[in-house]
Amino acid sequence: MDTKWASHLSKKPIEQEEFKNYIKASIPVLNRLREILTKDLEQSSREQKKVDHFDTPNWELRQVDCNATQRTLEKIINLLEI
């Protein structure tokens, strides 16, 4: 589990254990969210590679937007790996 998940907690072991249990109970929902975001990432990657996007005058802006979207999705997906 990424340390960012528990960085807001005090050093009290009981508080940390309670939070770990809370996360463990949420794993099915977090896994489903990861699946959804992974599909979105794959869709974004496919969209980015479409040739017809290069026919528009602002294709560079589309490329930047796709890159930012993919970078954000990857960051969240990695955080969800518990």
Protein backbone atom coordinates (compact mmCIF):
# COMPACT_ATOMS: atom_id res chain seq x y z
CA MET A 1 0.00 0.00 0.00
CA ASP A 2 1.32 3.41 -0.96
CA THR A 3 2.38 5.41 2.09
CA LYS A 4 0.29 8.34 0.85
CA TRP A 5 -2.80 6.47 2.01
CA ALA A 6 -1.78 6.72 5.66
CA SER A 7 0.24 9.92 5.66
CA HIS A 8 -2.58 11.84 7.34
CA LEU A 9 -2.71 9.47 10.31
CA SER A 10 -1.00 9.95 13.64
CA LYS A 11 1.68 7.52 14.73
CA LYS A 12 -0.77 5.70 17.00
CA PRO A 13 -0.74 2.01 16.02
CA ILE A 14 -4.45 1.58 16.73
CA GLU A 15 -5.39 4.41 14.39
CA GLN A 16 -3.19 2.99 11.65
CA GLU A 17 -4.63 -0.50 12.14
CA GLU A 18 -8.20 0.81 11.96
CA PHE A 19 -7.40 2.61 8.74
CA LYS A 20 -5.78 -0.51 7.24
CA ASN A 21 -8.92 -2.47 8.07
CA TYR A 22 -11.05 0.23 6.47
CA ILE A 23 -8.96 0.03 3.30
CA LYS A 24 -9.11 -3.78 3.27
CA ALA A 25 -12.91 -3.63 3.52
CA SER A 26 -12.93 -1.24 0.55
CA ILE A 27 -10.75 -3.40 -1.72
CA PRO A 28 -13.63 -4.65 -3.93
CA VAL A 29 -14.74 -1.09 -4.66
CA LEU A 30 -11.18 0.09 -5.21
CA ASN A 31 -10.52 -2.83 -7.56
CA ARG A 32 -13.61 -1.97 -9.58
CA LEU A 33 -12.53 1.66 -9.75
CA ARG A 34 -9.09 0.55 -10.97
CA GLU A 35 -10.75 -1.55 -13.70
CA ILE A 36 -12.85 1.41 -14.84
CA LEU A 37 -9.88 3.76 -14.91
CA THR A 38 -7.75 1.21 -16.76
CA LYS A 39 -10.41 0.96 -19.47
CA ASP A 40 -10.51 4.77 -19.65
CA LEU A 41 -6.72 4.81 -20.01
CA GLU A 42 -6.85 2.27 -22.82
CA GLN A 43 -9.59 4.28 -24.57
CA SER A 44 -7.56 7.47 -24.26
CA SER A 45 -4.54 5.72 -25.73
CA ARG A 46 -6.58 4.49 -28.70
CA GLU A 47 -8.05 7.95 -29.25
CA GLN A 48 -4.61 9.51 -29.17
CA LYS A 49 -3.43 7.33 -32.03
CA LYS A 50 -6.27 8.08 -34.43
CA VAL A 51 -4.90 9.53 -37.64
CA ASP A 52 -7.86 11.84 -38.26
CA HIS A 53 -6.92 13.88 -35.19
CA PHE A 54 -3.88 15.13 -37.06
CA ASP A 55 -6.11 16.73 -39.68
CA THR A 56 -7.35 19.36 -37.25
CA PRO A 57 -5.47 22.62 -36.75
CA ASN A 58 -5.31 22.15 -32.98
CA TRP A 59 -4.00 18.59 -32.95
CA GLU A 60 -1.12 19.63 -30.68
CA LEU A 61 -3.60 20.71 -28.00
CA ARG A 62 -5.43 17.38 -28.31
CA GLN A 63 -2.12 15.59 -27.89
CA VAL A 64 -1.27 17.58 -24.77
CA ASP A 65 -4.72 16.89 -23.33
CA CYS A 66 -4.41 13.15 -24.03
CA ASN A 67 -0.97 13.06 -22.41
CA ALA A 68 -2.23 14.86 -19.31
CA THR A 69 -5.27 12.59 -19.07
CA GLN A 70 -3.16 9.46 -19.38
CA ARG A 71 -0.61 10.69 -16.85
CA THR A 72 -3.37 11.45 -14.34
CA LEU A 73 -5.11 8.11 -14.86
CA GLU A 74 -1.82 6.24 -14.46
CA LYS A 75 -1.10 8.09 -11.22
CA ILE A 76 -4.50 7.21 -9.77
CA ILE A 77 -4.31 3.59 -10.97
CA ASN A 78 -0.91 3.20 -9.32
CA LEU A 79 -2.26 4.66 -6.09
CA LEU A 80 -5.10 2.10 -6.17
CA GLU A 81 -2.68 -0.83 -6.20
CA ILE A 82 -3.13 -1.97 -2.65
